Amino acid sequence: MEQEIQYYVLFPNHDNGMRLHRELKKKGLSSVIAPTPRQASKCCGISLLIKEEETDAVKDVIEEADIETLGIAQIKKDVNPNRDRYC
């Protein structure tokens, strides 16, 4: 079974993440505020989870709104069905 790839926009600080989230919402693009995966970055604690098919549109919004980012990371979704299972 092939693992799903997730797309995270990474930021140097929280303010830039919240600003991009608002801008994407205005443009009708979806994003979810998520913890930054440690394999992607150890900087800011938040990132935006975006859809693969919207990555180009998100890049356009980043450029138009002049928002500083650390890039878009592609991370394999890591789902462990036994996580937090104690019995």
PDB file of N, CA and C in Angstrom:
ATOM      1  N   MET A   1       0.838  -1.185   0.000  1.00  0.00           N
ATOM      2  CA  MET A   1       0.000   0.000   0.000  1.00  0.00           C
ATOM      3  C   MET A   1       0.883   1.249   0.000  1.00  0.00           C
ATOM      4  N   GLU A   2       0.645   2.145  -0.942  1.00  0.00           N
ATOM      5  CA  GLU A   2       1.428   3.363  -1.060  1.00  0.00           C
ATOM      6  C   GLU A   2       0.937   4.396  -0.053  1.00  0.00           C
ATOM      7  N   GLN A   3       1.890   5.078   0.604  1.00  0.00           N
ATOM      8  CA  GLN A   3       1.530   6.086   1.593  1.00  0.00           C
ATOM      9  C   GLN A   3       1.110   7.382   0.910  1.00  0.00           C
ATOM     10  N   GLU A   4       0.118   8.008   1.486  1.00  0.00           N
ATOM     11  CA  GLU A   4      -0.373   9.289   0.995  1.00  0.00           C
ATOM     12  C   GLU A   4       0.650  10.380   1.324  1.00  0.00           C
ATOM     13  N   ILE A   5       0.827  11.329   0.393  1.00  0.00           N
ATOM     14  CA  ILE A   5       1.718  12.460   0.607  1.00  0.00           C
ATOM     15  C   ILE A   5       0.875  13.655   1.061  1.00  0.00           C
ATOM     16  N   GLN A   6       1.351  14.337   2.105  1.00  0.00           N
ATOM     17  CA  GLN A   6       0.686  15.547   2.579  1.00  0.00           C
ATOM     18  C   GLN A   6       1.596  16.744   2.317  1.00  0.00           C
ATOM     19  N   TYR A   7       0.989  17.892   2.082  1.00  0.00           N
ATOM     20  CA  TYR A   7       1.723  19.108   1.734  1.00  0.00           C
ATOM     21  C   TYR A   7       1.574  20.136   2.848  1.00  0.00           C
ATOM     22  N   TYR A   8       2.715  20.542   3.427  1.00  0.00           N
ATOM     23  CA  TYR A   8       2.746  21.489   4.541  1.00  0.00           C
ATOM     24  C   TYR A   8       3.479  22.754   4.121  1.00  0.00           C
ATOM     25  N   VAL A   9       2.851  23.918   4.339  1.00  0.00           N
ATOM     26  CA  VAL A   9       3.540  25.187   4.146  1.00  0.00           C
ATOM     27  C   VAL A   9       4.217  25.500   5.471  1.00  0.00           C
ATOM     28  N   LEU A  10       5.524  25.758   5.426  1.00  0.00           N
ATOM     29  CA  LEU A  10       6.322  25.998   6.623  1.00  0.00           C
ATOM     30  C   LEU A  10       6.618  27.487   6.779  1.00  0.00           C
ATOM     31  N   PHE A  11       6.720  27.942   8.021  1.00  0.00           N
ATOM     32  CA  PHE A  11       6.880  29.369   8.310  1.00  0.00           C
ATOM     33  C   PHE A  11       7.996  29.619   9.319  1.00  0.00           C
ATOM     34  N   PRO A  12       8.605  30.820   9.237  1.00  0.00           N
ATOM     35  CA  PRO A  12       9.603  31.184  10.243  1.00  0.00           C
ATOM     36  C   PRO A  12       8.949  31.631  11.560  1.00  0.00           C
ATOM     37  N   ASN A  13       7.662  32.010  11.481  1.00  0.00           N
ATOM     38  CA  ASN A  13       6.958  32.432  12.702  1.00  0.00           C
ATOM     39  C   ASN A  13       5.451  32.233  12.560  1.00  0.00           C
ATOM     40  N   HIS A  14       4.777  32.268  13.672  1.00  0.00           N
ATOM     41  CA  HIS A  14       3.335  32.032  13.776  1.00  0.00           C
ATOM     42  C   HIS A  14       2.522  33.067  12.989  1.00  0.00           C
ATOM     43  N   ASP A  15       2.930  34.339  13.055  1.00  0.00           N
ATOM     44  CA  ASP A  15       2.179  35.418  12.399  1.00  0.00           C
ATOM     45  C   ASP A  15       2.042  35.202  10.896  1.00  0.00           C
ATOM     46  N   ASN A  16       3.120  34.783  10.250  1.00  0.00           N
ATOM     47  CA  ASN A  16       3.056  34.540   8.804  1.00  0.00           C
ATOM     48  C   ASN A  16       2.098  33.402   8.476  1.00  0.00           C
ATOM     49  N   GLY A  17       2.072  32.390   9.313  1.00  0.00           N
ATOM     50  CA  GLY A  17       1.159  31.271   9.100  1.00  0.00           C
ATOM     51  C   GLY A  17      -0.297  31.695   9.203  1.00  0.00           C
ATOM     52  N   MET A  18      -0.608  32.490  10.209  1.00  0.00           N
ATOM     53  CA  MET A  18      -1.981  32.955  10.389  1.00  0.00           C
ATOM     54  C   MET A  18      -2.382  33.908   9.258  1.00  0.00           C
ATOM     55  N   ARG A  19      -1.449  34.725   8.832  1.00  0.00           N
ATOM     56  CA  ARG A  19      -1.733  35.660   7.740  1.00  0.00           C
ATOM     57  C   ARG A  19      -2.038  34.906   6.441  1.00  0.00           C
ATOM     58  N   LEU A  20      -1.238  33.896   6.127  1.00  0.00           N
ATOM     59  CA  LEU A  20      -1.496  33.118   4.909  1.00  0.00           C
ATOM     60  C   LEU A  20      -2.816  32.372   5.024  1.00  0.00           C
ATOM     61  N   HIS A  21      -3.112  31.852   6.189  1.00  0.00           N
ATOM     62  CA  HIS A  21      -4.381  31.143   6.387  1.00  0.00           C
ATOM     63  C   HIS A  21      -5.558  32.070   6.052  1.00  0.00           C
ATOM     64  N   ARG A  22      -5.504  33.309   6.515  1.00  0.00           N
ATOM     65  CA  ARG A  22      -6.572  34.289   6.218  1.00  0.00           C
ATOM     66  C   ARG A  22      -6.642  34.601   4.725  1.00  0.00           C
ATOM     67  N   GLU A  23      -5.475  34.793   4.101  1.00  0.00           N
ATOM     68  CA  GLU A  23      -5.443  35.109   2.666  1.00  0.00           C
ATOM     69  C   GLU A  23      -6.000  33.954   1.825  1.00  0.00           C
ATOM     70  N   LEU A  24      -5.654  32.737   2.178  1.00  0.00           N
ATOM     71  CA  LEU A  24      -6.165  31.583   1.434  1.00  0.00           C
ATOM     72  C   LEU A  24      -7.676  31.469   1.582  1.00  0.00           C
ATOM     73  N   LYS A  25      -8.165  31.730   2.775  1.00  0.00           N
ATOM     74  CA  LYS A  25      -9.613  31.676   3.017  1.00  0.00           C
ATOM     75  C   LYS A  25     -10.341  32.710   2.150  1.00  0.00           C
ATOM     76  N   LYS A  26      -9.771  33.922   2.051  1.00  0.00           N
ATOM     77  CA  LYS A  26     -10.369  34.974   1.205  1.00  0.00           C
ATOM     78  C   LYS A  26     -10.456  34.535  -0.260  1.00  0.00           C
ATOM     79  N   LYS A  27      -9.460  33.774  -0.716  1.00  0.00           N
ATOM     80  CA  LYS A  27      -9.396  33.330  -2.111  1.00  0.00           C
ATOM     81  C   LYS A  27     -10.168  32.039  -2.365  1.00  0.00           C
ATOM     82  N   GLY A  28     -10.767  31.484  -1.313  1.00  0.00           N
ATOM     83  CA  GLY A  28     -11.538  30.252  -1.469  1.00  0.00           C
ATOM     84  C   GLY A  28     -10.689  28.991  -1.525  1.00  0.00           C
ATOM     85  N   LEU A  29      -9.442  29.094  -1.072  1.00  0.00           N
ATOM     86  CA  LEU A  29      -8.550  27.936  -1.035  1.00  0.00           C
ATOM     87  C   LEU A  29      -8.559  27.339   0.369  1.00  0.00           C
ATOM     88  N   SER A  30      -8.459  26.033   0.448  1.00  0.00           N
ATOM     89  CA  SER A  30      -8.529  25.393   1.761  1.00  0.00           C
ATOM     90  C   SER A  30      -7.140  25.240   2.373  1.00  0.00           C
ATOM     91  N   SER A  31      -7.101  25.357   3.684  1.00  0.00           N
ATOM     92  CA  SER A  31      -5.888  25.085   4.448  1.00  0.00           C
ATOM     93  C   SER A  31      -6.308  24.743   5.871  1.00  0.00           C
ATOM     94  N   VAL A  32      -5.498  23.918   6.494  1.00  0.00           N
ATOM     95  CA  VAL A  32      -5.764  23.507   7.865  1.00  0.00           C
ATOM     96  C   VAL A  32      -4.532  23.853   8.695  1.00  0.00           C
ATOM     97  N   ILE A  33      -4.735  24.562   9.802  1.00  0.00           N
ATOM     98  CA  ILE A  33      -3.631  24.864  10.704  1.00  0.00           C
ATOM     99  C   ILE A  33      -3.249  23.558  11.392  1.00  0.00           C
ATOM    100  N   ALA A  34      -1.962  23.216  11.306  1.00  0.00           N
ATOM    101  CA  ALA A  34      -1.502  21.932  11.837  1.00  0.00           C
ATOM    102  C   ALA A  34      -0.154  22.115  12.527  1.00  0.00           C
ATOM    103  N   PRO A  35       0.175  21.229  13.457  1.00  0.00           N
ATOM    104  CA  PRO A  35       1.528  21.257  14.022  1.00  0.00           C
ATOM    105  C   PRO A  35       2.543  20.945  12.925  1.00  0.00           C
ATOM    106  N   THR A  36       3.678  21.595  12.973  1.00  0.00           N
ATOM    107  CA  THR A  36       4.722  21.334  11.980  1.00  0.00           C
ATOM    108  C   THR A  36       5.343  19.965  12.248  1.00  0.00           C
ATOM    109  N   PRO A  37       5.336  19.084  11.245  1.00  0.00           N
ATOM    110  CA  PRO A  37       5.991  17.783  11.440  1.00  0.00           C
ATOM    111  C   PRO A  37       7.481  17.991  11.712  1.00  0.00           C
ATOM    112  N   ARG A  38       8.017  17.340  12.706  1.00  0.00           N
ATOM    113  CA  ARG A  38       9.427  17.525  13.084  1.00  0.00           C
ATOM    114  C   ARG A  38      10.381  17.099  11.978  1.00  0.00           C
ATOM    115  N   GLN A  39       9.975  16.172  11.125  1.00  0.00           N
ATOM    116  CA  GLN A  39      10.858  15.789  10.026  1.00  0.00           C
ATOM    117  C   GLN A  39      10.925  16.873   8.953  1.00  0.00           C
ATOM    118  N   ALA A  40       9.991  17.839   8.989  1.00  0.00           N
ATOM    119  CA  ALA A  40       9.984  18.927   8.006  1.00  0.00           C
ATOM    120  C   ALA A  40      10.771  20.138   8.496  1.00  0.00           C
ATOM    121  N   SER A  41      10.591  20.507   9.764  1.00  0.00           N
ATOM    122  CA  SER A  41      11.244  21.708  10.290  1.00  0.00           C
ATOM    123  C   SER A  41      11.164  21.710  11.806  1.00  0.00           C
ATOM    124  N   LYS A  42      12.132  22.371  12.410  1.00  0.00           N
ATOM    125  CA  LYS A  42      12.119  22.520  13.855  1.00  0.00           C
ATOM    126  C   LYS A  42      11.911  23.985  14.229  1.00  0.00           C
ATOM    127  N   CYS A  43      11.539  24.808  13.252  1.00  0.00           N
ATOM    128  CA  CYS A  43      11.364  26.247  13.498  1.00  0.00           C
ATOM    129  C   CYS A  43      10.016  26.518  14.147  1.00  0.00           C
ATOM    130  N   CYS A  44       9.122  27.119  13.416  1.00  0.00           N
ATOM    131  CA  CYS A  44       7.824  27.517  13.935  1.00  0.00           C
ATOM    132  C   CYS A  44       6.969  26.284  14.232  1.00  0.00           C
ATOM    133  N   GLY A  45       6.155  26.352  15.246  1.00  0.00           N
ATOM    134  CA  GLY A  45       5.341  25.218  15.657  1.00  0.00           C
ATOM    135  C   GLY A  45       4.120  24.969  14.804  1.00  0.00           C
ATOM    136  N   ILE A  46       3.730  25.951  13.958  1.00  0.00           N
ATOM    137  CA  ILE A  46       2.553  25.721  13.124  1.00  0.00           C
ATOM    138  C   ILE A  46       2.934  25.672  11.652  1.00  0.00           C
ATOM    139  N   SER A  47       2.102  24.996  10.916  1.00  0.00           N
ATOM    140  CA  SER A  47       2.219  24.951   9.461  1.00  0.00           C
ATOM    141  C   SER A  47       0.798  24.914   8.918  1.00  0.00           C
ATOM    142  N   LEU A  48       0.672  25.038   7.616  1.00  0.00           N
ATOM    143  CA  LEU A  48      -0.634  24.910   6.978  1.00  0.00           C
ATOM    144  C   LEU A  48      -0.623  23.675   6.109  1.00  0.00           C
ATOM    145  N   LEU A  49      -1.584  22.839   6.319  1.00  0.00           N
ATOM    146  CA  LEU A  49      -1.766  21.637   5.518  1.00  0.00           C
ATOM    147  C   LEU A  49      -2.641  22.032   4.336  1.00  0.00           C
ATOM    148  N   ILE A  50      -2.135  21.825   3.118  1.00  0.00           N
ATOM    149  CA  ILE A  50      -2.869  22.230   1.918  1.00  0.00           C
ATOM    150  C   ILE A  50      -3.074  21.028   1.011  1.00  0.00           C
ATOM    151  N   LYS A  51      -3.963  21.194   0.047  1.00  0.00           N
ATOM    152  CA  LYS A  51      -4.237  20.125  -0.918  1.00  0.00           C
ATOM    153  C   LYS A  51      -3.201  20.164  -2.039  1.00  0.00           C
ATOM    154  N   GLU A  52      -2.819  18.990  -2.515  1.00  0.00           N
ATOM    155  CA  GLU A  52      -1.825  18.893  -3.580  1.00  0.00           C
ATOM    156  C   GLU A  52      -2.249  19.689  -4.810  1.00  0.00           C
ATOM    157  N   GLU A  53      -3.525  19.582  -5.187  1.00  0.00           N
ATOM    158  CA  GLU A  53      -3.984  20.246  -6.409  1.00  0.00           C
ATOM    159  C   GLU A  53      -4.046  21.770  -6.271  1.00  0.00           C
ATOM    160  N   GLU A  54      -3.899  22.285  -5.067  1.00  0.00           N
ATOM    161  CA  GLU A  54      -3.934  23.737  -4.855  1.00  0.00           C
ATOM    162  C   GLU A  54      -2.554  24.336  -4.591  1.00  0.00           C
ATOM    163  N   THR A  55      -1.488  23.543  -4.700  1.00  0.00           N
ATOM    164  CA  THR A  55      -0.161  24.063  -4.361  1.00  0.00           C
ATOM    165  C   THR A  55       0.255  25.243  -5.248  1.00  0.00           C
ATOM    166  N   ASP A  56      -0.027  25.191  -6.532  1.00  0.00           N
ATOM    167  CA  ASP A  56       0.340  26.318  -7.406  1.00  0.00           C
ATOM    168  C   ASP A  56      -0.435  27.579  -7.033  1.00  0.00           C
ATOM    169  N   ALA A  57      -1.717  27.433  -6.754  1.00  0.00           N
ATOM    170  CA  ALA A  57      -2.529  28.584  -6.356  1.00  0.00           C
ATOM    171  C   ALA A  57      -2.044  29.153  -5.017  1.00  0.00           C
ATOM    172  N   VAL A  58      -1.648  28.281  -4.105  1.00  0.00           N
ATOM    173  CA  VAL A  58      -1.128  28.730  -2.807  1.00  0.00           C
ATOM    174  C   VAL A  58       0.174  29.503  -3.010  1.00  0.00           C
ATOM    175  N   LYS A  59       1.044  29.007  -3.880  1.00  0.00           N
ATOM    176  CA  LYS A  59       2.294  29.715  -4.179  1.00  0.00           C
ATOM    177  C   LYS A  59       2.013  31.105  -4.742  1.00  0.00           C
ATOM    178  N   ASP A  60       0.990  31.210  -5.583  1.00  0.00           N
ATOM    179  CA  ASP A  60       0.617  32.517  -6.134  1.00  0.00           C
ATOM    180  C   ASP A  60       0.168  33.476  -5.040  1.00  0.00           C
ATOM    181  N   VAL A  61      -0.636  32.985  -4.094  1.00  0.00           N
ATOM    182  CA  VAL A  61      -1.110  33.822  -2.984  1.00  0.00           C
ATOM    183  C   VAL A  61       0.071  34.249  -2.112  1.00  0.00           C
ATOM    184  N   ILE A  62       1.002  33.347  -1.857  1.00  0.00           N
ATOM    185  CA  ILE A  62       2.190  33.679  -1.056  1.00  0.00           C
ATOM    186  C   ILE A  62       2.948  34.827  -1.708  1.00  0.00           C
ATOM    187  N   GLU A  63       3.115  34.738  -3.026  1.00  0.00           N
ATOM    188  CA  GLU A  63       3.850  35.788  -3.749  1.00  0.00           C
ATOM    189  C   GLU A  63       3.071  37.106  -3.776  1.00  0.00           C
ATOM    190  N   GLU A  64       1.780  37.030  -4.076  1.00  0.00           N
ATOM    191  CA  GLU A  64       0.951  38.240  -4.146  1.00  0.00           C
ATOM    192  C   GLU A  64       0.896  38.976  -2.812  1.00  0.00           C
ATOM    193  N   ALA A  65       0.753  38.214  -1.719  1.00  0.00           N
ATOM    194  CA  ALA A  65       0.609  38.822  -0.396  1.00  0.00           C
ATOM    195  C   ALA A  65       1.964  39.078   0.266  1.00  0.00           C
ATOM    196  N   ASP A  66       3.059  38.682  -0.406  1.00  0.00           N
ATOM    197  CA  ASP A  66       4.414  38.878   0.102  1.00  0.00           C
ATOM    198  C   ASP A  66       4.566  38.324   1.529  1.00  0.00           C
ATOM    199  N   ILE A  67       4.229  37.040   1.669  1.00  0.00           N
ATOM    200  CA  ILE A  67       4.313  36.368   2.957  1.00  0.00           C
ATOM    201  C   ILE A  67       5.569  35.506   2.981  1.00  0.00           C
ATOM    202  N   GLU A  68       6.348  35.656   4.033  1.00  0.00           N
ATOM    203  CA  GLU A  68       7.584  34.887   4.158  1.00  0.00           C
ATOM    204  C   GLU A  68       7.266  33.459   4.595  1.00  0.00           C
ATOM    205  N   THR A  69       7.770  32.496   3.833  1.00  0.00           N
ATOM    206  CA  THR A  69       7.605  31.084   4.175  1.00  0.00           C
ATOM    207  C   THR A  69       8.969  30.404   4.091  1.00  0.00           C
ATOM    208  N   LEU A  70       9.015  29.192   4.584  1.00  0.00           N
ATOM    209  CA  LEU A  70      10.221  28.379   4.463  1.00  0.00           C
ATOM    210  C   LEU A  70      10.043  27.311   3.396  1.00  0.00           C
ATOM    211  N   GLY A  71       8.958  27.427   2.617  1.00  0.00           N
ATOM    212  CA  GLY A  71       8.701  26.488   1.534  1.00  0.00           C
ATOM    213  C   GLY A  71       7.537  25.559   1.824  1.00  0.00           C
ATOM    214  N   ILE A  72       7.319  24.648   0.886  1.00  0.00           N
ATOM    215  CA  ILE A  72       6.253  23.654   1.024  1.00  0.00           C
ATOM    216  C   ILE A  72       6.927  22.284   1.087  1.00  0.00           C
ATOM    217  N   ALA A  73       6.673  21.593   2.186  1.00  0.00           N
ATOM    218  CA  ALA A  73       7.274  20.276   2.394  1.00  0.00           C
ATOM    219  C   ALA A  73       6.281  19.178   2.025  1.00  0.00           C
ATOM    220  N   GLN A  74       6.793  18.153   1.379  1.00  0.00           N
ATOM    221  CA  GLN A  74       5.994  16.967   1.069  1.00  0.00           C
ATOM    222  C   GLN A  74       6.386  15.878   2.063  1.00  0.00           C
ATOM    223  N   ILE A  75       5.421  15.464   2.870  1.00  0.00           N
ATOM    224  CA  ILE A  75       5.684  14.493   3.924  1.00  0.00           C
ATOM    225  C   ILE A  75       4.753  13.299   3.742  1.00  0.00           C
ATOM    226  N   LYS A  76       5.301  12.108   3.842  1.00  0.00           N
ATOM    227  CA  LYS A  76       4.460  10.911   3.787  1.00  0.00           C
ATOM    228  C   LYS A  76       3.615  10.850   5.047  1.00  0.00           C
ATOM    229  N   LYS A  77       2.326  10.638   4.861  1.00  0.00           N
ATOM    230  CA  LYS A  77       1.407  10.540   5.992  1.00  0.00           C
ATOM    231  C   LYS A  77       1.787   9.317   6.809  1.00  0.00           C
ATOM    232  N   ASP A  78       2.025   9.531   8.087  1.00  0.00           N
ATOM    233  CA  ASP A  78       2.477   8.463   8.971  1.00  0.00           C
ATOM    234  C   ASP A  78       1.359   8.118   9.942  1.00  0.00           C
ATOM    235  N   VAL A  79       0.589   7.121   9.582  1.00  0.00           N
ATOM    236  CA  VAL A  79      -0.519   6.697  10.436  1.00  0.00           C
ATOM    237  C   VAL A  79      -0.171   5.343  11.024  1.00  0.00           C
ATOM    238  N   ASN A  80      -0.081   5.312  12.330  1.00  0.00           N
ATOM    239  CA  ASN A  80       0.206   4.072  13.034  1.00  0.00           C
ATOM    240  C   ASN A  80      -1.083   3.615  13.712  1.00  0.00           C
ATOM    241  N   PRO A  81      -1.715   2.561  13.234  1.00  0.00           N
ATOM    242  CA  PRO A  81      -2.994   2.125  13.812  1.00  0.00           C
ATOM    243  C   PRO A  81      -2.870   1.650  15.251  1.00  0.00           C
ATOM    244  N   ASN A  82      -1.646   1.386  15.702  1.00  0.00           N
ATOM    245  CA  ASN A  82      -1.449   0.918  17.076  1.00  0.00           C
ATOM    246  C   ASN A  82      -1.042   2.040  18.042  1.00  0.00           C
ATOM    247  N   ARG A  83      -0.963   3.272  17.534  1.00  0.00           N
ATOM    248  CA  ARG A  83      -0.582   4.396  18.399  1.00  0.00           C
ATOM    249  C   ARG A  83      -1.620   4.582  19.491  1.00  0.00           C
ATOM    250  N   ASP A  84      -1.159   4.818  20.683  1.00  0.00           N
ATOM    251  CA  ASP A  84      -2.013   5.029  21.851  1.00  0.00           C
ATOM    252  C   ASP A  84      -2.894   3.812  22.146  1.00  0.00           C
ATOM    253  N   ARG A  85      -2.434   2.671  21.724  1.00  0.00           N
ATOM    254  CA  ARG A  85      -3.159   1.442  22.003  1.00  0.00           C
ATOM    255  C   ARG A  85      -2.383   0.679  23.069  1.00  0.00           C
ATOM    256  N   TYR A  86      -3.021   0.420  24.171  1.00  0.00           N
ATOM    257  CA  TYR A  86      -2.310  -0.153  25.304  1.00  0.00           C
ATOM    258  C   TYR A  86      -2.720  -1.587  25.643  1.00  0.00           C
ATOM    259  N   CYS A  87      -3.682  -2.122  24.972  1.00  0.00           N
ATOM    260  CA  CYS A  87      -4.143  -3.488  25.259  1.00  0.00           C
ATOM    261  C   CYS A  87      -4.083  -4.350  24.027  1.00  0.00           C
TER     262      CYS A  87
END
